[in-house]
PDB file of N, CA and C in Angstrom:
ATOM      1  N   UNK A   1       0.908  -1.101   0.038  1.00  0.00           N
ATOM      2  CA  UNK A   1      -0.178   0.111  -0.018  1.00  0.00           C
ATOM      3  C   UNK A   1       0.958   1.139  -0.090  1.00  0.00           C
ATOM      4  N   UNK A   2       0.453   2.107  -0.697  1.00  0.00           N
ATOM      5  CA  UNK A   2       1.345   3.336  -0.883  1.00  0.00           C
ATOM      6  C   UNK A   2       1.082   4.492   0.571  1.00  0.00           C
ATOM      7  N   UNK A   3       1.880   5.148   0.015  1.00  0.00           N
ATOM      8  CA  UNK A   3       2.200   6.056   1.432  1.00  0.00           C
ATOM      9  C   UNK A   3       0.512   7.332   1.315  1.00  0.00           C
ATOM     10  N   UNK A   4       0.546   7.331   0.385  1.00  0.00           N
ATOM     11  CA  UNK A   4      -0.750   8.542   0.535  1.00  0.00           C
ATOM     12  C   UNK A   4      -2.133   7.537   0.471  1.00  0.00           C
ATOM     13  N   UNK A   5      -1.954   5.986   0.045  1.00  0.00           N
ATOM     14  CA  UNK A   5      -3.541   5.498   0.295  1.00  0.00           C
ATOM     15  C   UNK A   5      -3.060   5.387   2.258  1.00  0.00           C
ATOM     16  N   UNK A   6      -2.113   4.786   2.695  1.00  0.00           N
ATOM     17  CA  UNK A   6      -2.234   4.960   4.436  1.00  0.00           C
ATOM     18  C   UNK A   6      -2.087   6.053   4.782  1.00  0.00           C
ATOM     19  N   UNK A   7      -1.865   7.152   4.554  1.00  0.00           N
ATOM     20  CA  UNK A   7      -2.764   8.536   4.325  1.00  0.00           C
ATOM     21  C   UNK A   7      -4.027   8.485   4.571  1.00  0.00           C
ATOM     22  N   UNK A   8      -4.746   8.524   3.857  1.00  0.00           N
ATOM     23  CA  UNK A   8      -5.839   8.258   3.528  1.00  0.00           C
ATOM     24  C   UNK A   8      -6.630   7.487   4.585  1.00  0.00           C
ATOM     25  N   UNK A   9      -6.174   6.238   5.159  1.00  0.00           N
ATOM     26  CA  UNK A   9      -7.373   5.596   5.449  1.00  0.00           C
ATOM     27  C   UNK A   9      -6.824   6.171   7.060  1.00  0.00           C
ATOM     28  N   UNK A  10      -5.763   6.641   7.055  1.00  0.00           N
ATOM     29  CA  UNK A  10      -5.769   7.343   8.779  1.00  0.00           C
ATOM     30  C   UNK A  10      -6.812   8.773   8.801  1.00  0.00           C
ATOM     31  N   UNK A  11      -6.758   9.355   7.654  1.00  0.00           N
ATOM     32  CA  UNK A  11      -7.785  10.386   7.818  1.00  0.00           C
ATOM     33  C   UNK A  11      -9.300  10.149   8.095  1.00  0.00           C
ATOM     34  N   UNK A  12      -9.140   8.705   6.750  1.00  0.00           N
ATOM     35  CA  UNK A  12     -10.459   8.787   6.815  1.00  0.00           C
ATOM     36  C   UNK A  12     -11.357   7.970   8.443  1.00  0.00           C
ATOM     37  N   UNK A  13     -10.526   7.197   9.219  1.00  0.00           N
ATOM     38  CA  UNK A  13     -10.569   6.911  10.348  1.00  0.00           C
ATOM     39  C   UNK A  13     -11.070   7.814  11.228  1.00  0.00           C
ATOM     40  N   UNK A  14     -10.356   8.915  11.251  1.00  0.00           N
ATOM     41  CA  UNK A  14      -9.986   9.708  12.052  1.00  0.00           C
ATOM     42  C   UNK A  14     -11.498  10.819  11.660  1.00  0.00           C
ATOM     43  N   UNK A  15     -12.249  10.766  10.739  1.00  0.00           N
ATOM     44  CA  UNK A  15     -13.278  11.646  10.135  1.00  0.00           C
ATOM     45  C   UNK A  15     -12.969  12.500   9.756  1.00  0.00           C
ATOM     46  N   UNK A  16     -11.491  13.137   9.440  1.00  0.00           N
ATOM     47  CA  UNK A  16     -11.163  14.331   8.352  1.00  0.00           C
ATOM     48  C   UNK A  16     -10.982  14.104   7.073  1.00  0.00           C
ATOM     49  N   UNK A  17     -11.577  13.093   6.417  1.00  0.00           N
ATOM     50  CA  UNK A  17     -11.937  12.891   5.201  1.00  0.00           C
ATOM     51  C   UNK A  17     -13.734  12.857   4.931  1.00  0.00           C
ATOM     52  N   UNK A  18     -13.593  13.792   4.051  1.00  0.00           N
ATOM     53  CA  UNK A  18     -15.438  13.892   3.593  1.00  0.00           C
ATOM     54  C   UNK A  18     -15.642  13.301   2.677  1.00  0.00           C
ATOM     55  N   UNK A  19     -16.491  12.033   2.458  1.00  0.00           N
ATOM     56  CA  UNK A  19     -17.218  11.732   1.353  1.00  0.00           C
ATOM     57  C   UNK A  19     -18.103  12.356   0.230  1.00  0.00           C
ATOM     58  N   UNK A  20     -18.227  13.783   1.027  1.00  0.00           N
ATOM     59  CA  UNK A  20     -19.144  14.455  -0.118  1.00  0.00           C
ATOM     60  C   UNK A  20     -18.376  15.197  -1.088  1.00  0.00           C
ATOM     61  N   UNK A  21     -19.257  14.821  -1.875  1.00  0.00           N
ATOM     62  CA  UNK A  21     -18.932  15.448  -2.871  1.00  0.00           C
ATOM     63  C   UNK A  21     -18.749  16.765  -3.379  1.00  0.00           C
ATOM     64  N   UNK A  22     -17.876  17.539  -3.804  1.00  0.00           N
ATOM     65  CA  UNK A  22     -18.049  19.157  -3.838  1.00  0.00           C
ATOM     66  C   UNK A  22     -18.054  19.246  -5.192  1.00  0.00           C
ATOM     67  N   UNK A  23     -19.089  20.550  -5.769  1.00  0.00           N
ATOM     68  CA  UNK A  23     -19.702  20.318  -6.984  1.00  0.00           C
ATOM     69  C   UNK A  23     -18.512  21.465  -7.754  1.00  0.00           C
ATOM     70  N   UNK A  24     -18.062  21.205  -8.736  1.00  0.00           N
ATOM     71  CA  UNK A  24     -17.601  21.755  -9.868  1.00  0.00           C
ATOM     72  C   UNK A  24     -17.766  23.459  -9.700  1.00  0.00           C
ATOM     73  N   UNK A  25     -16.902  24.199  -9.482  1.00  0.00           N
ATOM     74  CA  UNK A  25     -17.381  26.140  -9.978  1.00  0.00           C
ATOM     75  C   UNK A  25     -17.959  25.715 -10.729  1.00  0.00           C
ATOM     76  N   UNK A  26     -18.565  27.171 -11.459  1.00  0.00           N
ATOM     77  CA  UNK A  26     -19.034  27.848 -12.685  1.00  0.00           C
ATOM     78  C   UNK A  26     -18.089  27.831 -13.401  1.00  0.00           C
ATOM     79  N   UNK A  27     -17.853  28.113 -15.159  1.00  0.00           N
ATOM     80  CA  UNK A  27     -16.672  28.185 -15.624  1.00  0.00           C
ATOM     81  C   UNK A  27     -16.737  29.702 -15.266  1.00  0.00           C
ATOM     82  N   UNK A  28     -17.907  30.186 -15.243  1.00  0.00           N
ATOM     83  CA  UNK A  28     -17.442  32.304 -15.191  1.00  0.00           C
ATOM     84  C   UNK A  28     -17.487  32.503 -13.453  1.00  0.00           C
ATOM     85  N   UNK A  29     -17.208  31.829 -12.785  1.00  0.00           N
ATOM     86  CA  UNK A  29     -17.132  32.147 -11.510  1.00  0.00           C
ATOM     87  C   UNK A  29     -16.453  33.062 -10.886  1.00  0.00           C
ATOM     88  N   UNK A  30     -16.352  33.388  -9.885  1.00  0.00           N
ATOM     89  CA  UNK A  30     -14.823  34.642  -9.305  1.00  0.00           C
ATOM     90  C   UNK A  30     -14.205  33.935  -8.909  1.00  0.00           C
ATOM     91  N   UNK A  31     -12.864  34.692  -8.991  1.00  0.00           N
ATOM     92  CA  UNK A  31     -11.713  33.839  -8.166  1.00  0.00           C
ATOM     93  C   UNK A  31     -12.285  33.572  -6.327  1.00  0.00           C
ATOM     94  N   UNK A  32     -12.517  34.570  -6.003  1.00  0.00           N
ATOM     95  CA  UNK A  32     -13.102  34.297  -4.680  1.00  0.00           C
ATOM     96  C   UNK A  32     -13.830  33.004  -4.430  1.00  0.00           C
ATOM     97  N   UNK A  33     -15.004  32.874  -5.212  1.00  0.00           N
ATOM     98  CA  UNK A  33     -15.576  31.322  -5.433  1.00  0.00           C
ATOM     99  C   UNK A  33     -15.135  30.835  -6.240  1.00  0.00           C
ATOM    100  N   UNK A  34     -14.124  30.143  -6.722  1.00  0.00           N
ATOM    101  CA  UNK A  34     -13.243  29.615  -7.624  1.00  0.00           C
ATOM    102  C   UNK A  34     -12.513  28.788  -5.995  1.00  0.00           C
ATOM    103  N   UNK A  35     -11.709  30.134  -5.374  1.00  0.00           N
ATOM    104  CA  UNK A  35     -11.153  29.601  -4.771  1.00  0.00           C
ATOM    105  C   UNK A  35     -11.840  28.871  -3.049  1.00  0.00           C
ATOM    106  N   UNK A  36     -12.957  29.248  -2.601  1.00  0.00           N
ATOM    107  CA  UNK A  36     -13.958  28.746  -2.244  1.00  0.00           C
ATOM    108  C   UNK A  36     -14.146  27.351  -2.254  1.00  0.00           C
ATOM    109  N   UNK A  37     -13.944  27.004  -3.741  1.00  0.00           N
ATOM    110  CA  UNK A  37     -14.681  25.516  -3.983  1.00  0.00           C
ATOM    111  C   UNK A  37     -13.518  24.698  -3.807  1.00  0.00           C
ATOM    112  N   UNK A  38     -11.868  25.077  -4.120  1.00  0.00           N
ATOM    113  CA  UNK A  38     -10.518  24.122  -4.705  1.00  0.00           C
ATOM    114  C   UNK A  38     -10.727  24.004  -2.653  1.00  0.00           C
ATOM    115  N   UNK A  39     -10.943  25.108  -1.828  1.00  0.00           N
ATOM    116  CA  UNK A  39     -10.186  24.913  -0.765  1.00  0.00           C
ATOM    117  C   UNK A  39     -11.595  23.771   0.300  1.00  0.00           C
ATOM    118  N   UNK A  40     -13.297  23.785  -0.238  1.00  0.00           N
ATOM    119  CA  UNK A  40     -13.414  22.920   0.496  1.00  0.00           C
ATOM    120  C   UNK A  40     -13.147  21.536  -0.296  1.00  0.00           C
ATOM    121  N   UNK A  41     -12.988  21.433  -1.534  1.00  0.00           N
ATOM    122  CA  UNK A  41     -12.242  19.944  -1.728  1.00  0.00           C
ATOM    123  C   UNK A  41     -11.423  19.697  -1.344  1.00  0.00           C
ATOM    124  N   UNK A  42     -10.572  20.126  -1.095  1.00  0.00           N
ATOM    125  CA  UNK A  42      -8.964  20.190  -0.393  1.00  0.00           C
ATOM    126  C   UNK A  42      -9.521  19.930   0.881  1.00  0.00           C
ATOM    127  N   UNK A  43     -10.034  20.274   1.404  1.00  0.00           N
ATOM    128  CA  UNK A  43     -10.203  19.956   3.273  1.00  0.00           C
ATOM    129  C   UNK A  43     -11.311  18.914   2.875  1.00  0.00           C
ATOM    130  N   UNK A  44     -11.974  18.452   2.036  1.00  0.00           N
ATOM    131  CA  UNK A  44     -12.908  17.608   2.413  1.00  0.00           C
ATOM    132  C   UNK A  44     -12.120  15.907   1.802  1.00  0.00           C
ATOM    133  N   UNK A  45     -10.771  16.106   1.219  1.00  0.00           N
ATOM    134  CA  UNK A  45      -9.817  14.312   1.094  1.00  0.00           C
ATOM    135  C   UNK A  45      -8.620  15.179   2.153  1.00  0.00           C
ATOM    136  N   UNK A  46      -9.058  15.571   3.194  1.00  0.00           N
ATOM    137  CA  UNK A  46      -8.081  15.878   4.349  1.00  0.00           C
ATOM    138  C   UNK A  46      -6.777  16.316   3.938  1.00  0.00           C
ATOM    139  N   UNK A  47      -6.363  17.430   3.066  1.00  0.00           N
ATOM    140  CA  UNK A  47      -5.437  18.501   3.184  1.00  0.00           C
ATOM    141  C   UNK A  47      -5.783  19.733   4.030  1.00  0.00           C
ATOM    142  N   UNK A  48      -4.397  19.921   4.760  1.00  0.00           N
ATOM    143  CA  UNK A  48      -4.216  20.872   5.329  1.00  0.00           C
ATOM    144  C   UNK A  48      -3.994  22.390   4.449  1.00  0.00           C
ATOM    145  N   UNK A  49      -4.958  23.521   4.441  1.00  0.00           N
ATOM    146  CA  UNK A  49      -5.204  24.387   3.661  1.00  0.00           C
ATOM    147  C   UNK A  49      -4.408  25.790   4.304  1.00  0.00           C
ATOM    148  N   UNK A  50      -3.811  26.608   3.428  1.00  0.00           N
ATOM    149  CA  UNK A  50      -3.081  27.688   4.033  1.00  0.00           C
ATOM    150  C   UNK A  50      -3.661  28.416   2.937  1.00  0.00           C
ATOM    151  N   UNK A  51      -3.978  29.759   3.026  1.00  0.00           N
ATOM    152  CA  UNK A  51      -4.762  30.724   2.091  1.00  0.00           C
ATOM    153  C   UNK A  51      -4.513  32.100   2.493  1.00  0.00           C
ATOM    154  N   UNK A  52      -3.542  32.966   2.603  1.00  0.00           N
ATOM    155  CA  UNK A  52      -3.227  34.298   2.559  1.00  0.00           C
ATOM    156  C   UNK A  52      -4.431  35.285   2.816  1.00  0.00           C
ATOM    157  N   UNK A  53      -5.216  35.877   3.597  1.00  0.00           N
ATOM    158  CA  UNK A  53      -6.643  36.302   3.414  1.00  0.00           C
ATOM    159  C   UNK A  53      -6.371  37.554   3.218  1.00  0.00           C
ATOM    160  N   UNK A  54      -5.393  38.179   3.380  1.00  0.00           N
ATOM    161  CA  UNK A  54      -5.407  39.779   3.102  1.00  0.00           C
ATOM    162  C   UNK A  54      -3.281  39.869   2.772  1.00  0.00           C
ATOM    163  N   UNK A  55      -3.662  40.090   1.341  1.00  0.00           N
ATOM    164  CA  UNK A  55      -1.921  40.417   0.940  1.00  0.00           C
ATOM    165  C   UNK A  55      -0.944  41.368   1.138  1.00  0.00           C
ATOM    166  N   UNK A  56      -2.074  42.195   1.305  1.00  0.00           N
ATOM    167  CA  UNK A  56      -0.955  43.649   1.835  1.00  0.00           C
ATOM    168  C   UNK A  56      -0.228  43.681   2.382  1.00  0.00           C
ATOM    169  N   UNK A  57       0.892  43.747   2.493  1.00  0.00           N
ATOM    170  CA  UNK A  57       2.580  43.538   3.772  1.00  0.00           C
ATOM    171  C   UNK A  57       2.754  42.424   3.129  1.00  0.00           C
ATOM    172  N   UNK A  58       2.298  41.399   2.090  1.00  0.00           N
ATOM    173  CA  UNK A  58       2.922  39.650   1.788  1.00  0.00           C
ATOM    174  C   UNK A  58       3.902  40.092   0.981  1.00  0.00           C
ATOM    175  N   UNK A  59       4.806  38.786   0.643  1.00  0.00           N
ATOM    176  CA  UNK A  59       5.457  39.074  -0.679  1.00  0.00           C
ATOM    177  C   UNK A  59       5.056  38.795  -1.763  1.00  0.00           C
ATOM    178  N   UNK A  60       4.985  40.362  -2.828  1.00  0.00           N
ATOM    179  CA  UNK A  60       4.618  40.107  -3.788  1.00  0.00           C
ATOM    180  C   UNK A  60       4.653  38.459  -4.659  1.00  0.00           C
ATOM    181  N   UNK A  61       3.264  37.854  -4.953  1.00  0.00           N
ATOM    182  CA  UNK A  61       3.433  36.936  -6.136  1.00  0.00           C
ATOM    183  C   UNK A  61       3.067  35.485  -5.804  1.00  0.00           C
ATOM    184  N   UNK A  62       3.030  35.835  -4.156  1.00  0.00           N
ATOM    185  CA  UNK A  62       3.350  34.364  -3.838  1.00  0.00           C
ATOM    186  C   UNK A  62       2.191  33.646  -3.736  1.00  0.00           C
ATOM    187  N   UNK A  63       1.623  32.073  -4.210  1.00  0.00           N
ATOM    188  CA  UNK A  63       0.720  31.371  -4.793  1.00  0.00           C
ATOM    189  C   UNK A  63      -0.171  31.649  -3.465  1.00  0.00           C
ATOM    190  N   UNK A  64      -1.399  31.556  -4.208  1.00  0.00           N
ATOM    191  CA  UNK A  64      -2.734  31.851  -3.367  1.00  0.00           C
ATOM    192  C   UNK A  64      -2.982  30.679  -2.436  1.00  0.00           C
ATOM    193  N   UNK A  65      -2.796  29.840  -2.253  1.00  0.00           N
ATOM    194  CA  UNK A  65      -3.147  28.425  -1.940  1.00  0.00           C
ATOM    195  C   UNK A  65      -2.068  27.545  -1.880  1.00  0.00           C
ATOM    196  N   UNK A  66      -1.859  27.448  -0.369  1.00  0.00           N
ATOM    197  CA  UNK A  66      -1.051  25.623  -0.241  1.00  0.00           C
ATOM    198  C   UNK A  66      -1.958  24.686   0.403  1.00  0.00           C
ATOM    199  N   UNK A  67      -1.675  23.669   0.190  1.00  0.00           N
ATOM    200  CA  UNK A  67      -2.290  22.472   0.594  1.00  0.00           C
ATOM    201  C   UNK A  67      -1.605  21.254   1.078  1.00  0.00           C
ATOM    202  N   UNK A  68      -1.263  20.932   2.340  1.00  0.00           N
ATOM    203  CA  UNK A  68      -0.085  19.926   2.663  1.00  0.00           C
ATOM    204  C   UNK A  68      -0.640  18.791   2.992  1.00  0.00           C
ATOM    205  N   UNK A  69      -0.777  17.566   2.490  1.00  0.00           N
ATOM    206  CA  UNK A  69      -1.000  16.174   3.176  1.00  0.00           C
ATOM    207  C   UNK A  69      -0.379  15.165   3.068  1.00  0.00           C
ATOM    208  N   UNK A  70       0.296  14.354   2.046  1.00  0.00           N
ATOM    209  CA  UNK A  70       1.456  13.345   1.943  1.00  0.00           C
ATOM    210  C   UNK A  70       3.031  13.938   1.451  1.00  0.00           C
ATOM    211  N   UNK A  71       2.000  15.436   0.636  1.00  0.00           N
ATOM    212  CA  UNK A  71       3.234  16.475  -0.176  1.00  0.00           C
ATOM    213  C   UNK A  71       2.735  17.277   0.043  1.00  0.00           C
ATOM    214  N   UNK A  72       3.498  18.696  -0.009  1.00  0.00           N
ATOM    215  CA  UNK A  72       3.406  19.981  -0.456  1.00  0.00           C
ATOM    216  C   UNK A  72       2.523  20.327  -1.783  1.00  0.00           C
ATOM    217  N   UNK A  73       1.589  20.972  -2.168  1.00  0.00           N
ATOM    218  CA  UNK A  73       1.164  22.000  -3.033  1.00  0.00           C
ATOM    219  C   UNK A  73       0.642  22.917  -3.429  1.00  0.00           C
ATOM    220  N   UNK A  74       1.275  23.798  -3.494  1.00  0.00           N
ATOM    221  CA  UNK A  74       0.836  25.032  -3.997  1.00  0.00           C
ATOM    222  C   UNK A  74       0.245  25.527  -5.374  1.00  0.00           C
ATOM    223  N   UNK A  75      -0.809  26.561  -5.265  1.00  0.00           N
ATOM    224  CA  UNK A  75      -1.699  27.307  -6.622  1.00  0.00           C
ATOM    225  C   UNK A  75      -2.721  28.191  -6.496  1.00  0.00           C
ATOM    226  N   UNK A  76      -1.841  28.852  -7.732  1.00  0.00           N
ATOM    227  CA  UNK A  76      -2.279  30.296  -7.595  1.00  0.00           C
ATOM    228  C   UNK A  76      -4.078  30.354  -9.376  1.00  0.00           C
ATOM    229  N   UNK A  77      -4.104  30.576  -8.205  1.00  0.00           N
ATOM    230  CA  UNK A  77      -6.034  30.476  -8.574  1.00  0.00           C
ATOM    231  C   UNK A  77      -6.264  31.286  -9.326  1.00  0.00           C
ATOM    232  N   UNK A  78      -6.709  31.490 -10.855  1.00  0.00           N
ATOM    233  CA  UNK A  78      -7.432  32.660 -11.905  1.00  0.00           C
ATOM    234  C   UNK A  78      -8.479  32.365 -12.110  1.00  0.00           C
ATOM    235  N   UNK A  79      -9.296  33.375 -12.809  1.00  0.00           N
ATOM    236  CA  UNK A  79     -10.536  33.125 -13.423  1.00  0.00           C
ATOM    237  C   UNK A  79     -10.362  32.629 -14.710  1.00  0.00           C
ATOM    238  N   UNK A  80     -11.060  32.364 -15.638  1.00  0.00           N
ATOM    239  CA  UNK A  80     -11.323  31.478 -17.112  1.00  0.00           C
ATOM    240  C   UNK A  80     -10.020  32.409 -17.565  1.00  0.00           C
ATOM    241  N   UNK A  81     -10.385  34.195 -17.302  1.00  0.00           N
ATOM    242  CA  UNK A  81      -9.403  35.023 -18.467  1.00  0.00           C
ATOM    243  C   UNK A  81      -8.494  35.904 -17.161  1.00  0.00           C
ATOM    244  N   UNK A  82      -8.377  35.712 -16.302  1.00  0.00           N
ATOM    245  CA  UNK A  82      -7.012  35.938 -15.434  1.00  0.00           C
ATOM    246  C   UNK A  82      -5.622  35.444 -15.719  1.00  0.00           C
ATOM    247  N   UNK A  83      -5.072  36.580 -15.991  1.00  0.00           N
ATOM    248  CA  UNK A  83      -3.543  35.635 -15.791  1.00  0.00           C
ATOM    249  C   UNK A  83      -2.503  35.885 -15.016  1.00  0.00           C
ATOM    250  N   UNK A  84      -1.440  35.785 -15.230  1.00  0.00           N
ATOM    251  CA  UNK A  84      -0.569  36.008 -13.924  1.00  0.00           C
ATOM    252  C   UNK A  84       0.329  36.905 -14.235  1.00  0.00           C
ATOM    253  N   UNK A  85       0.901  37.339 -12.789  1.00  0.00           N
ATOM    254  CA  UNK A  85       1.532  38.626 -12.724  1.00  0.00           C
ATOM    255  C   UNK A  85       3.654  37.986 -12.841  1.00  0.00           C
ATOM    256  N   UNK A  86       4.079  39.132 -13.341  1.00  0.00           N
ATOM    257  CA  UNK A  86       5.595  38.443 -13.380  1.00  0.00           C
ATOM    258  C   UNK A  86       5.672  38.027 -12.334  1.00  0.00           C
ATOM    259  N   UNK A  87       5.389  38.646 -10.929  1.00  0.00           N
ATOM    260  CA  UNK A  87       6.032  38.199  -9.747  1.00  0.00           C
ATOM    261  C   UNK A  87       5.258  36.856  -9.345  1.00  0.00           C
ATOM    262  N   UNK A  88       4.100  36.423 -10.004  1.00  0.00           N
ATOM    263  CA  UNK A  88       3.849  34.897  -9.858  1.00  0.00           C
ATOM    264  C   UNK A  88       4.661  33.800 -10.467  1.00  0.00           C
ATOM    265  N   UNK A  89       4.567  34.554 -11.487  1.00  0.00           N
ATOM    266  CA  UNK A  89       5.742  33.633 -12.803  1.00  0.00           C
ATOM    267  C   UNK A  89       6.921  33.012 -11.644  1.00  0.00           C
ATOM    268  N   UNK A  90       7.633  33.987 -11.565  1.00  0.00           N
ATOM    269  CA  UNK A  90       8.789  34.195 -10.338  1.00  0.00           C
ATOM    270  C   UNK A  90       8.376  32.696  -9.756  1.00  0.00           C
ATOM    271  N   UNK A  91       7.508  33.427  -8.809  1.00  0.00           N
ATOM    272  CA  UNK A  91       7.008  32.243  -7.535  1.00  0.00           C
ATOM    273  C   UNK A  91       6.791  30.670  -7.774  1.00  0.00           C
ATOM    274  N   UNK A  92       5.936  30.539  -8.998  1.00  0.00           N
ATOM    275  CA  UNK A  92       5.946  29.241  -9.916  1.00  0.00           C
ATOM    276  C   UNK A  92       6.919  28.954 -10.586  1.00  0.00           C
ATOM    277  N   UNK A  93       7.940  29.222 -10.843  1.00  0.00           N
ATOM    278  CA  UNK A  93       9.003  28.756 -11.623  1.00  0.00           C
ATOM    279  C   UNK A  93       9.815  28.084 -10.031  1.00  0.00           C
ATOM    280  N   UNK A  94      10.272  29.048  -9.462  1.00  0.00           N
ATOM    281  CA  UNK A  94      10.949  28.617  -8.058  1.00  0.00           C
ATOM    282  C   UNK A  94      10.653  27.975  -7.366  1.00  0.00           C
ATOM    283  N   UNK A  95       8.871  27.910  -7.715  1.00  0.00           N
ATOM    284  CA  UNK A  95       8.655  26.392  -5.905  1.00  0.00           C
ATOM    285  C   UNK A  95       9.160  25.429  -7.284  1.00  0.00           C
ATOM    286  N   UNK A  96       8.596  25.092  -8.334  1.00  0.00           N
ATOM    287  CA  UNK A  96       8.824  23.766  -9.298  1.00  0.00           C
ATOM    288  C   UNK A  96      10.242  23.696  -9.852  1.00  0.00           C
ATOM    289  N   UNK A  97      11.426  24.535  -9.958  1.00  0.00           N
ATOM    290  CA  UNK A  97      12.583  24.259  -9.756  1.00  0.00           C
ATOM    291  C   UNK A  97      13.550  23.508  -8.731  1.00  0.00           C
ATOM    292  N   UNK A  98      12.874  23.837  -7.978  1.00  0.00           N
ATOM    293  CA  UNK A  98      13.283  23.634  -6.209  1.00  0.00           C
ATOM    294  C   UNK A  98      12.305  22.441  -5.982  1.00  0.00           C
ATOM    295  N   UNK A  99      11.672  21.427  -7.021  1.00  0.00           N
ATOM    296  CA  UNK A  99      11.466  19.856  -6.639  1.00  0.00           C
ATOM    297  C   UNK A  99      10.147  19.789  -6.244  1.00  0.00           C
ATOM    298  N   UNK A 100       9.383  21.474  -5.924  1.00  0.00           N
ATOM    299  CA  UNK A 100       8.031  21.412  -5.719  1.00  0.00           C
ATOM    300  C   UNK A 100       6.952  21.082  -6.691  1.00  0.00           C
ATOM    301  N   UNK A 101       5.953  21.845  -6.361  1.00  0.00           N
ATOM    302  CA  UNK A 101       4.484  21.625  -6.752  1.00  0.00           C
ATOM    303  C   UNK A 101       3.746  22.836  -6.984  1.00  0.00           C
ATOM    304  N   UNK A 102       4.373  23.332  -8.391  1.00  0.00           N
ATOM    305  CA  UNK A 102       3.470  24.791  -8.173  1.00  0.00           C
ATOM    306  C   UNK A 102       2.166  25.029  -9.458  1.00  0.00           C
ATOM    307  N   UNK A 103       1.025  25.034  -9.370  1.00  0.00           N
ATOM    308  CA  UNK A 103      -0.263  25.042 -10.490  1.00  0.00           C
ATOM    309  C   UNK A 103      -0.640  26.088 -10.749  1.00  0.00           C
ATOM    310  N   UNK A 104      -0.955  26.559 -11.645  1.00  0.00           N
ATOM    311  CA  UNK A 104      -1.992  27.661 -11.913  1.00  0.00           C
ATOM    312  C   UNK A 104      -3.456  26.541 -12.654  1.00  0.00           C
ATOM    313  N   UNK A 105      -3.849  27.347 -11.547  1.00  0.00           N
ATOM    314  CA  UNK A 105      -5.510  26.516 -11.752  1.00  0.00           C
ATOM    315  C   UNK A 105      -6.544  27.449 -11.969  1.00  0.00           C
ATOM    316  N   UNK A 106      -7.710  27.059 -13.270  1.00  0.00           N
ATOM    317  CA  UNK A 106      -8.854  27.500 -13.699  1.00  0.00           C
ATOM    318  C   UNK A 106      -9.838  26.915 -13.207  1.00  0.00           C
ATOM    319  N   UNK A 107     -11.607  27.721 -13.143  1.00  0.00           N
ATOM    320  CA  UNK A 107     -12.311  26.745 -13.029  1.00  0.00           C
ATOM    321  C   UNK A 107     -12.408  25.826 -13.995  1.00  0.00           C
ATOM    322  N   UNK A 108     -12.079  25.434 -14.893  1.00  0.00           N
ATOM    323  CA  UNK A 108     -11.973  24.629 -16.547  1.00  0.00           C
ATOM    324  C   UNK A 108     -11.124  23.559 -16.176  1.00  0.00           C
ATOM    325  N   UNK A 109      -9.889  23.626 -15.060  1.00  0.00           N
ATOM    326  CA  UNK A 109      -9.146  22.238 -14.321  1.00  0.00           C
ATOM    327  C   UNK A 109      -9.814  21.346 -13.660  1.00  0.00           C
ATOM    328  N   UNK A 110     -11.253  21.583 -13.278  1.00  0.00           N
ATOM    329  CA  UNK A 110     -11.360  21.133 -12.054  1.00  0.00           C
ATOM    330  C   UNK A 110     -11.590  19.457 -11.817  1.00  0.00           C
ATOM    331  N   UNK A 111     -11.475  18.942 -13.021  1.00  0.00           N
ATOM    332  CA  UNK A 111     -10.948  17.480 -13.652  1.00  0.00           C
ATOM    333  C   UNK A 111      -9.778  17.054 -13.217  1.00  0.00           C
ATOM    334  N   UNK A 112      -8.764  17.557 -13.287  1.00  0.00           N
ATOM    335  CA  UNK A 112      -6.945  17.745 -12.746  1.00  0.00           C
ATOM    336  C   UNK A 112      -7.018  18.250 -11.570  1.00  0.00           C
ATOM    337  N   UNK A 113      -7.907  18.826 -11.142  1.00  0.00           N
ATOM    338  CA  UNK A 113      -7.664  19.196  -9.515  1.00  0.00           C
ATOM    339  C   UNK A 113      -8.263  18.258  -8.796  1.00  0.00           C
ATOM    340  N   UNK A 114      -9.344  17.778  -9.082  1.00  0.00           N
ATOM    341  CA  UNK A 114     -10.162  16.413  -8.253  1.00  0.00           C
ATOM    342  C   UNK A 114      -8.759  15.481  -8.009  1.00  0.00           C
ATOM    343  N   UNK A 115      -8.254  15.015  -9.064  1.00  0.00           N
ATOM    344  CA  UNK A 115      -7.470  14.226  -9.691  1.00  0.00           C
ATOM    345  C   UNK A 115      -5.968  14.503  -8.811  1.00  0.00           C
ATOM    346  N   UNK A 116      -5.732  15.471  -8.399  1.00  0.00           N
ATOM    347  CA  UNK A 116      -4.301  15.820  -7.922  1.00  0.00           C
ATOM    348  C   UNK A 116      -4.738  15.508  -6.558  1.00  0.00           C
ATOM    349  N   UNK A 117      -5.848  16.335  -5.981  1.00  0.00           N
ATOM    350  CA  UNK A 117      -5.839  16.408  -4.239  1.00  0.00           C
ATOM    351  C   UNK A 117      -7.299  15.027  -3.782  1.00  0.00           C
ATOM    352  N   UNK A 118      -7.122  14.049  -4.826  1.00  0.00           N
ATOM    353  CA  UNK A 118      -7.860  12.977  -3.942  1.00  0.00           C
ATOM    354  C   UNK A 118      -7.302  12.442  -3.079  1.00  0.00           C
TER     355      UNK A 118
END
């Protein structure tokens, strides 16, 4: 049995994983609505989630959220038309070059997000 399968068993036994299906967000949703859906999904699957609520005074470009379970995943969340800033591109490249996992997710990526956070 893989580590993530064992981890999921432990979380399920402790009631920390929800069997509730999180519906896909609308493709035209706001970034706030999209973030709420991603956070709900991650928490339902037993991930610890961190997001900065007010980025004033924080390092520019840091990803919107970080999720931790058997690995650490960072995500920059965008609407269907939003684009990453130069500072966000630097953080994404730095995290990925340091063997991290950093993604740019849009509502249309919901099937991929569900697969990554299962």
